Structure formats: C-alpha cells, structure tokens
Amino acid sequence: MFKFGTFAFGALAIGTLALSATASAAPLPLFPFIMTPPIQSQEALQQPQMQAAPDENAGSTVEMPALLKRQVVSYPTREAPGTVIIDTPHTYLYYVLPGGQAIRYGIGVGRDGFTWSGVQSVTKKAEWPDWTPPPEMIARQPYLPRHMAGGPGNPLGARAMYLGGTVYRIHGTNAPETIGTHVSSGCIRLTNEDVSDLYSRVNVGTKVIVMPMDRQAANSGSKRS
C-alpha cells in the first residue's frame, strides 16, 4: 500500500511539473475566444503607410542662387531693345530693355569643347517641344533615344526657341540644378519658369548674340565688331 501511494504521489508530482513547464513555455490565453493579431498582421497594417510616403523627387524644387534668379539689371549696350545676348562665360542670358536695362536670366551653357559664338536669329518657337537628337549627338551618346515626345520628362523642357539653321536652341530643362553650369552640348538652357517668361517676350526673327568663352559681358554692344 505504501509503495502504491508513493508511486501515485510521484506520478502526480511529475505530471504537475510537466504541466507547469508546458504552461510556462506557452501560457494559455485567459480568454481564448479573444484573438490577438499576430505580429505579421501588425507589420502588414504598417505597409500602406510606407507605400504612401511621397517620392522625394516628386514636385521637388531647386533653390536658385540669388545671382541666377531672373531679375532686371543695369545693362548699357548699343543693341536694340528685344535683343537676346548670351554671356557664355558667366552663364547669363540678357533680354535687352529700353533705358540701359535688361532682364537677366541664369542659364546652363555648353560644356568644355562644346561652346560656340556668333550671331543668330530665332527661326522657330515651340511649346513642350519634341526632342530628336541630331546624328552627331547620337554618335557620341548612342544610348540616347532617337525621338522623345514633348512633356515634363523631355530634356528640352517647357519651351524652345530654335536658332537659325543650327542644331542649337534656347530651351527649358527638367534638370534645374544644372543652371549656372557648363553641361550641355551647345544649347542654352533655362529653368522652365524662366524659359516660359523669355518665350513670351521673344518673337521669330529676334536677334541672338552668343558671346565666346573668352569675352566679357559688360558693354557687349560697344565691343562687338
């Protein structure tokens, strides 16, 4: 009798310990009918918030240095009002006004080896122009598209003014951070806001003077031969 009781007590103790260990490892819920959301579901609930975060490049604006912002400045010249003068070395475009003044715009110009100079006229104007890279550009950069429809992603930007029979244009840009730099293949670029302003002032036939890299902008009219 004693042995059986001892055996029964021992079995009961072992069962109690096993149950206690199981309970401590995975405690049973007090109210099993109330389900706690799993961790994965909580993370899934956070996913839409992460996906809804705006693209850091969407609608971003570039703060232009003060000197490159569009402004009216003193600019004595013998050129007639309405003339466009490109100051290549200082990355400025001047639209000549009466009374010795001009509207000055910050621009991007040709990179080393791609600057040019001379006198041209505006032969064509286009809003949100298509872009067809010339063959010489394709030869240098074969990865370029053969044609791109106009729009916000187009390198020519919002407006373009074509210069004579050349491949060069005064145009906008979808990369406003390049204003004030020597980066293009010879074209003159402005921000889309500035090129739209200039576009509204310039007519077909407007005279455009492009100054060489080694020439100063001051008194350009009196120095031009």
C-alpha atoms as a PDB file:
ATOM      1  CA  MET A   1       0.000   0.000   0.000  1.00  0.00           C
ATOM      2  CA  PHE A   2       2.755   2.373   0.864  1.00  0.00           C
ATOM      3  CA  LYS A   3       4.603   1.642  -2.347  1.00  0.00           C
ATOM      4  CA  PHE A   4       1.500   2.220  -4.404  1.00  0.00           C
ATOM      5  CA  GLY A   5       0.833   5.531  -2.674  1.00  0.00           C
ATOM      6  CA  THR A   6       4.416   6.588  -3.153  1.00  0.00           C
ATOM      7  CA  PHE A   7       4.223   5.698  -6.824  1.00  0.00           C
ATOM      8  CA  ALA A   8       0.931   7.538  -7.230  1.00  0.00           C
ATOM      9  CA  PHE A   9       2.291  10.633  -5.465  1.00  0.00           C
ATOM     10  CA  GLY A  10       5.415  10.570  -7.621  1.00  0.00           C
ATOM     11  CA  ALA A  11       3.411  10.247 -10.812  1.00  0.00           C
ATOM     12  CA  LEU A  12       1.208  13.127  -9.723  1.00  0.00           C
ATOM     13  CA  ALA A  13       4.247  15.295  -8.947  1.00  0.00           C
ATOM     14  CA  ILE A  14       5.877  14.519 -12.325  1.00  0.00           C
ATOM     15  CA  GLY A  15       2.610  15.326 -14.145  1.00  0.00           C
ATOM     16  CA  THR A  16       2.292  18.587 -12.240  1.00  0.00           C
ATOM     17  CA  LEU A  17       5.863  19.598 -13.140  1.00  0.00           C
ATOM     18  CA  ALA A  18       5.319  18.710 -16.805  1.00  0.00           C
ATOM     19  CA  LEU A  19       2.132  20.768 -16.900  1.00  0.00           C
ATOM     20  CA  SER A  20       3.872  23.676 -15.192  1.00  0.00           C
ATOM     21  CA  ALA A  21       6.740  23.550 -17.719  1.00  0.00           C
ATOM     22  CA  THR A  22       4.288  23.482 -20.618  1.00  0.00           C
ATOM     23  CA  ALA A  23       2.347  26.373 -19.152  1.00  0.00           C
ATOM     24  CA  SER A  24       5.456  28.488 -18.654  1.00  0.00           C
ATOM     25  CA  ALA A  25       6.675  27.769 -22.181  1.00  0.00           C
ATOM     26  CA  ALA A  26       3.368  28.623 -23.867  1.00  0.00           C
ATOM     27  CA  PRO A  27       0.828  30.121 -21.448  1.00  0.00           C
ATOM     28  CA  LEU A  28      -2.760  29.549 -22.401  1.00  0.00           C
ATOM     29  CA  PRO A  29      -4.804  32.692 -23.002  1.00  0.00           C
ATOM     30  CA  LEU A  30      -7.147  33.653 -20.237  1.00  0.00           C
ATOM     31  CA  PHE A  31      -9.932  34.303 -22.760  1.00  0.00           C
ATOM     32  CA  PRO A  32      -9.184  32.030 -25.726  1.00  0.00           C
ATOM     33  CA  PHE A  33     -12.078  33.445 -27.760  1.00  0.00           C
ATOM     34  CA  ILE A  34     -10.357  36.881 -27.961  1.00  0.00           C
ATOM     35  CA  MET A  35      -7.719  36.532 -30.711  1.00  0.00           C
ATOM     36  CA  THR A  36      -4.625  38.717 -30.546  1.00  0.00           C
ATOM     37  CA  PRO A  37      -3.468  39.888 -34.031  1.00  0.00           C
ATOM     38  CA  PRO A  38      -0.191  38.227 -34.988  1.00  0.00           C
ATOM     39  CA  ILE A  39       2.946  40.353 -35.384  1.00  0.00           C
ATOM     40  CA  GLN A  40       2.919  39.812 -39.163  1.00  0.00           C
ATOM     41  CA  SER A  41      -0.528  41.372 -39.432  1.00  0.00           C
ATOM     42  CA  GLN A  42       0.602  44.418 -37.471  1.00  0.00           C
ATOM     43  CA  GLU A  43       3.521  44.875 -39.891  1.00  0.00           C
ATOM     44  CA  ALA A  44       1.155  44.437 -42.815  1.00  0.00           C
ATOM     45  CA  LEU A  45      -1.014  47.225 -41.409  1.00  0.00           C
ATOM     46  CA  GLN A  46       2.020  49.495 -41.456  1.00  0.00           C
ATOM     47  CA  GLN A  47       2.832  48.712 -45.112  1.00  0.00           C
ATOM     48  CA  PRO A  48       0.273  51.100 -46.694  1.00  0.00           C
ATOM     49  CA  GLN A  49       1.777  53.975 -44.683  1.00  0.00           C
ATOM     50  CA  MET A  50       5.226  53.165 -46.030  1.00  0.00           C
ATOM     51  CA  GLN A  51       3.945  52.880 -49.604  1.00  0.00           C
ATOM     52  CA  ALA A  52       2.061  56.157 -49.294  1.00  0.00           C
ATOM     53  CA  ALA A  53       5.230  58.090 -48.481  1.00  0.00           C
ATOM     54  CA  PRO A  54       5.794  60.639 -51.275  1.00  0.00           C
ATOM     55  CA  ASP A  55       8.646  60.240 -53.703  1.00  0.00           C
ATOM     56  CA  GLU A  56      11.450  62.522 -52.563  1.00  0.00           C
ATOM     57  CA  ASN A  57      11.927  63.664 -56.161  1.00  0.00           C
ATOM     58  CA  ALA A  58       8.271  64.328 -56.878  1.00  0.00           C
ATOM     59  CA  GLY A  59       7.452  68.024 -57.016  1.00  0.00           C
ATOM     60  CA  SER A  60      10.857  68.916 -55.653  1.00  0.00           C
ATOM     61  CA  THR A  61      12.128  72.410 -56.316  1.00  0.00           C
ATOM     62  CA  VAL A  62      15.662  73.678 -56.586  1.00  0.00           C
ATOM     63  CA  GLU A  63      16.518  76.882 -54.758  1.00  0.00           C
ATOM     64  CA  MET A  64      18.448  79.014 -57.231  1.00  0.00           C
ATOM     65  CA  PRO A  65      21.371  81.163 -56.062  1.00  0.00           C
ATOM     66  CA  ALA A  66      20.332  84.826 -55.933  1.00  0.00           C
ATOM     67  CA  LEU A  67      22.590  85.813 -58.846  1.00  0.00           C
ATOM     68  CA  LEU A  68      20.977  83.217 -61.115  1.00  0.00           C
ATOM     69  CA  LYS A  69      17.399  84.267 -60.401  1.00  0.00           C
ATOM     70  CA  ARG A  70      15.541  86.258 -63.034  1.00  0.00           C
ATOM     71  CA  GLN A  71      15.935  89.984 -62.345  1.00  0.00           C
ATOM     72  CA  VAL A  72      16.129  93.393 -64.014  1.00  0.00           C
ATOM     73  CA  VAL A  73      19.682  94.766 -64.000  1.00  0.00           C
ATOM     74  CA  SER A  74      21.588  97.728 -65.404  1.00  0.00           C
ATOM     75  CA  TYR A  75      22.978  96.733 -68.792  1.00  0.00           C
ATOM     76  CA  PRO A  76      24.214  99.522 -71.069  1.00  0.00           C
ATOM     77  CA  THR A  77      24.536  98.325 -74.652  1.00  0.00           C
ATOM     78  CA  ARG A  78      24.130  99.604 -78.192  1.00  0.00           C
ATOM     79  CA  GLU A  79      21.956  96.647 -79.079  1.00  0.00           C
ATOM     80  CA  ALA A  80      18.282  97.390 -79.642  1.00  0.00           C
ATOM     81  CA  PRO A  81      15.677  96.500 -77.041  1.00  0.00           C
ATOM     82  CA  GLY A  82      14.421  92.971 -77.625  1.00  0.00           C
ATOM     83  CA  THR A  83      17.880  91.603 -78.456  1.00  0.00           C
ATOM     84  CA  VAL A  84      18.994  88.463 -76.634  1.00  0.00           C
ATOM     85  CA  ILE A  85      22.638  88.346 -75.518  1.00  0.00           C
ATOM     86  CA  ILE A  86      24.168  85.104 -74.203  1.00  0.00           C
ATOM     87  CA  ASP A  87      27.039  85.747 -71.762  1.00  0.00           C
ATOM     88  CA  THR A  88      28.587  82.299 -72.047  1.00  0.00           C
ATOM     89  CA  PRO A  89      31.451  82.649 -69.522  1.00  0.00           C
ATOM     90  CA  HIS A  90      29.187  83.968 -66.755  1.00  0.00           C
ATOM     91  CA  THR A  91      26.159  81.756 -67.577  1.00  0.00           C
ATOM     92  CA  TYR A  92      23.741  84.652 -68.033  1.00  0.00           C
ATOM     93  CA  LEU A  93      21.201  85.469 -70.724  1.00  0.00           C
ATOM     94  CA  TYR A  94      20.217  89.122 -71.147  1.00  0.00           C
ATOM     95  CA  TYR A  95      16.999  90.293 -72.743  1.00  0.00           C
ATOM     96  CA  VAL A  96      17.684  93.945 -73.578  1.00  0.00           C
ATOM     97  CA  LEU A  97      15.182  96.527 -72.302  1.00  0.00           C
ATOM     98  CA  PRO A  98      14.983 100.251 -73.051  1.00  0.00           C
ATOM     99  CA  GLY A  99      16.882 102.716 -70.862  1.00  0.00           C
ATOM    100  CA  GLY A 100      20.107 100.775 -70.383  1.00  0.00           C
ATOM    101  CA  GLN A 101      18.495  97.853 -68.597  1.00  0.00           C
ATOM    102  CA  ALA A 102      17.969  94.162 -69.272  1.00  0.00           C
ATOM    103  CA  ILE A 103      16.259  91.143 -67.794  1.00  0.00           C
ATOM    104  CA  ARG A 104      18.977  88.761 -66.697  1.00  0.00           C
ATOM    105  CA  TYR A 105      18.381  85.013 -66.518  1.00  0.00           C
ATOM    106  CA  GLY A 106      20.655  82.307 -65.151  1.00  0.00           C
ATOM    107  CA  ILE A 107      21.447  79.688 -67.795  1.00  0.00           C
ATOM    108  CA  GLY A 108      23.329  76.469 -68.441  1.00  0.00           C
ATOM    109  CA  VAL A 109      25.751  76.528 -71.373  1.00  0.00           C
ATOM    110  CA  GLY A 110      27.930  74.164 -73.389  1.00  0.00           C
ATOM    111  CA  ARG A 111      30.491  72.072 -71.583  1.00  0.00           C
ATOM    112  CA  ASP A 112      34.201  72.241 -72.407  1.00  0.00           C
ATOM    113  CA  GLY A 113      34.671  71.769 -76.136  1.00  0.00           C
ATOM    114  CA  PHE A 114      31.005  72.438 -76.948  1.00  0.00           C
ATOM    115  CA  THR A 115      30.720  76.202 -76.587  1.00  0.00           C
ATOM    116  CA  TRP A 116      30.215  78.370 -79.655  1.00  0.00           C
ATOM    117  CA  SER A 117      29.692  82.014 -80.523  1.00  0.00           C
ATOM    118  CA  GLY A 118      28.135  84.136 -83.221  1.00  0.00           C
ATOM    119  CA  VAL A 119      25.004  85.995 -84.206  1.00  0.00           C
ATOM    120  CA  GLN A 120      21.810  84.095 -84.988  1.00  0.00           C
ATOM    121  CA  SER A 121      18.089  84.785 -85.016  1.00  0.00           C
ATOM    122  CA  VAL A 122      15.102  82.907 -83.655  1.00  0.00           C
ATOM    123  CA  THR A 123      13.640  80.966 -86.582  1.00  0.00           C
ATOM    124  CA  LYS A 124      11.073  78.843 -84.735  1.00  0.00           C
ATOM    125  CA  LYS A 125       9.298  78.648 -81.387  1.00  0.00           C
ATOM    126  CA  ALA A 126       7.694  75.580 -79.805  1.00  0.00           C
ATOM    127  CA  GLU A 127       5.801  74.791 -76.607  1.00  0.00           C
ATOM    128  CA  TRP A 128       6.673  71.483 -74.930  1.00  0.00           C
ATOM    129  CA  PRO A 129       8.789  70.555 -77.941  1.00  0.00           C
ATOM    130  CA  ASP A 130       9.629  67.049 -79.090  1.00  0.00           C
ATOM    131  CA  TRP A 131      13.304  66.130 -78.952  1.00  0.00           C
ATOM    132  CA  THR A 132      15.137  64.444 -81.811  1.00  0.00           C
ATOM    133  CA  PRO A 133      18.867  64.282 -81.002  1.00  0.00           C
ATOM    134  CA  PRO A 134      20.999  65.210 -84.038  1.00  0.00           C
ATOM    135  CA  PRO A 135      23.158  62.471 -85.622  1.00  0.00           C
ATOM    136  CA  GLU A 136      26.385  63.891 -84.182  1.00  0.00           C
ATOM    137  CA  MET A 137      24.922  63.639 -80.668  1.00  0.00           C
ATOM    138  CA  ILE A 138      23.770  60.074 -81.303  1.00  0.00           C
ATOM    139  CA  ALA A 139      27.293  59.218 -82.472  1.00  0.00           C
ATOM    140  CA  ARG A 140      28.716  60.494 -79.161  1.00  0.00           C
ATOM    141  CA  GLN A 141      25.952  59.048 -76.992  1.00  0.00           C
ATOM    142  CA  PRO A 142      24.431  56.029 -78.793  1.00  0.00           C
ATOM    143  CA  TYR A 143      22.228  55.208 -75.810  1.00  0.00           C
ATOM    144  CA  LEU A 144      20.085  58.329 -76.408  1.00  0.00           C
ATOM    145  CA  PRO A 145      16.546  57.880 -77.729  1.00  0.00           C
ATOM    146  CA  ARG A 146      16.059  58.610 -81.431  1.00  0.00           C
ATOM    147  CA  HIS A 147      12.954  60.625 -80.623  1.00  0.00           C
ATOM    148  CA  MET A 148      11.157  61.747 -77.479  1.00  0.00           C
ATOM    149  CA  ALA A 149       7.732  63.359 -77.330  1.00  0.00           C
ATOM    150  CA  GLY A 150       7.396  66.671 -75.536  1.00  0.00           C
ATOM    151  CA  GLY A 151       6.433  66.698 -71.866  1.00  0.00           C
ATOM    152  CA  PRO A 152       7.786  67.194 -68.343  1.00  0.00           C
ATOM    153  CA  GLY A 153      10.365  64.412 -68.782  1.00  0.00           C
ATOM    154  CA  ASN A 154      11.726  65.817 -72.038  1.00  0.00           C
ATOM    155  CA  PRO A 155      15.220  67.395 -71.800  1.00  0.00           C
ATOM    156  CA  LEU A 156      14.036  70.433 -73.809  1.00  0.00           C
ATOM    157  CA  GLY A 157      11.596  71.377 -71.079  1.00  0.00           C
ATOM    158  CA  ALA A 158       8.577  73.633 -71.466  1.00  0.00           C
ATOM    159  CA  ARG A 159       9.641  75.882 -74.359  1.00  0.00           C
ATOM    160  CA  ALA A 160      12.240  76.024 -77.118  1.00  0.00           C
ATOM    161  CA  MET A 161      13.489  78.785 -79.431  1.00  0.00           C
ATOM    162  CA  TYR A 162      15.450  77.459 -82.413  1.00  0.00           C
ATOM    163  CA  LEU A 163      18.490  79.436 -83.566  1.00  0.00           C
ATOM    164  CA  GLY A 164      18.959  79.916 -87.305  1.00  0.00           C
ATOM    165  CA  GLY A 165      19.801  76.765 -89.244  1.00  0.00           C
ATOM    166  CA  THR A 166      21.928  75.383 -86.404  1.00  0.00           C
ATOM    167  CA  VAL A 167      21.196  72.436 -84.112  1.00  0.00           C
ATOM    168  CA  TYR A 168      21.225  74.825 -81.141  1.00  0.00           C
ATOM    169  CA  ARG A 169      18.243  76.040 -79.157  1.00  0.00           C
ATOM    170  CA  ILE A 170      17.378  78.158 -76.177  1.00  0.00           C
ATOM    171  CA  HIS A 171      15.176  75.812 -74.187  1.00  0.00           C
ATOM    172  CA  GLY A 172      13.919  74.757 -70.776  1.00  0.00           C
ATOM    173  CA  THR A 173      15.158  71.842 -68.739  1.00  0.00           C
ATOM    174  CA  ASN A 174      13.934  69.050 -66.478  1.00  0.00           C
ATOM    175  CA  ALA A 175      17.211  69.377 -64.535  1.00  0.00           C
ATOM    176  CA  PRO A 176      17.097  72.871 -62.985  1.00  0.00           C
ATOM    177  CA  GLU A 177      20.122  72.054 -60.826  1.00  0.00           C
ATOM    178  CA  THR A 178      22.288  72.395 -63.961  1.00  0.00           C
ATOM    179  CA  ILE A 179      21.576  76.123 -64.301  1.00  0.00           C
ATOM    180  CA  GLY A 180      24.812  78.051 -63.805  1.00  0.00           C
ATOM    181  CA  THR A 181      26.959  75.190 -65.105  1.00  0.00           C
ATOM    182  CA  HIS A 182      28.756  74.226 -68.323  1.00  0.00           C
ATOM    183  CA  VAL A 183      26.988  70.980 -69.112  1.00  0.00           C
ATOM    184  CA  SER A 184      25.175  70.963 -72.453  1.00  0.00           C
ATOM    185  CA  SER A 185      26.203  70.047 -75.994  1.00  0.00           C
ATOM    186  CA  GLY A 186      25.926  73.690 -77.009  1.00  0.00           C
ATOM    187  CA  CYS A 187      22.298  74.545 -76.347  1.00  0.00           C
ATOM    188  CA  ILE A 188      21.330  77.274 -73.891  1.00  0.00           C
ATOM    189  CA  ARG A 189      19.060  76.070 -71.101  1.00  0.00           C
ATOM    190  CA  LEU A 190      16.915  77.945 -68.580  1.00  0.00           C
ATOM    191  CA  THR A 191      14.522  76.770 -65.904  1.00  0.00           C
ATOM    192  CA  ASN A 192      11.068  76.014 -67.279  1.00  0.00           C
ATOM    193  CA  GLU A 193       9.676  79.060 -65.483  1.00  0.00           C
ATOM    194  CA  ASP A 194      12.334  81.362 -66.941  1.00  0.00           C
ATOM    195  CA  VAL A 195      12.180  79.954 -70.467  1.00  0.00           C
ATOM    196  CA  SER A 196       8.403  80.429 -70.448  1.00  0.00           C
ATOM    197  CA  ASP A 197       8.899  84.057 -69.449  1.00  0.00           C
ATOM    198  CA  LEU A 198      11.515  84.616 -72.159  1.00  0.00           C
ATOM    199  CA  TYR A 199       9.359  82.788 -74.716  1.00  0.00           C
ATOM    200  CA  SER A 200       6.535  85.261 -74.097  1.00  0.00           C
ATOM    201  CA  ARG A 201       8.876  88.194 -74.927  1.00  0.00           C
ATOM    202  CA  VAL A 202      10.800  86.803 -77.903  1.00  0.00           C
ATOM    203  CA  ASN A 203       9.443  86.716 -81.439  1.00  0.00           C
ATOM    204  CA  VAL A 204      10.542  84.824 -84.525  1.00  0.00           C
ATOM    205  CA  GLY A 205      13.288  86.960 -86.039  1.00  0.00           C
ATOM    206  CA  THR A 206      14.690  88.126 -82.682  1.00  0.00           C
ATOM    207  CA  LYS A 207      18.435  88.722 -82.827  1.00  0.00           C
ATOM    208  CA  VAL A 208      20.529  86.462 -80.597  1.00  0.00           C
ATOM    209  CA  ILE A 209      24.195  87.209 -79.837  1.00  0.00           C
ATOM    210  CA  VAL A 210      26.209  84.348 -78.347  1.00  0.00           C
ATOM    211  CA  MET A 211      29.456  85.517 -76.781  1.00  0.00           C
ATOM    212  CA  PRO A 212      32.562  83.307 -76.714  1.00  0.00           C
ATOM    213  CA  MET A 213      34.058  81.942 -73.516  1.00  0.00           C
ATOM    214  CA  ASP A 214      36.924  84.470 -73.521  1.00  0.00           C
ATOM    215  CA  ARG A 215      34.729  87.533 -73.838  1.00  0.00           C
ATOM    216  CA  GLN A 216      33.204  89.672 -71.102  1.00  0.00           C
ATOM    217  CA  ALA A 217      29.529  90.544 -70.948  1.00  0.00           C
ATOM    218  CA  ALA A 218      29.925  94.177 -69.945  1.00  0.00           C
ATOM    219  CA  ASN A 219      29.465  96.695 -72.758  1.00  0.00           C
ATOM    220  CA  SER A 220      28.977  93.898 -75.239  1.00  0.00           C
ATOM    221  CA  GLY A 221      27.306  96.195 -77.741  1.00  0.00           C
ATOM    222  CA  SER A 222      30.197  98.648 -77.930  1.00  0.00           C
ATOM    223  CA  LYS A 223      32.837  95.931 -78.194  1.00  0.00           C
ATOM    224  CA  ARG A 224      31.090  93.788 -80.779  1.00  0.00           C
ATOM    225  CA  SER A 225      32.596  94.169 -84.255  1.00  0.00           C
END
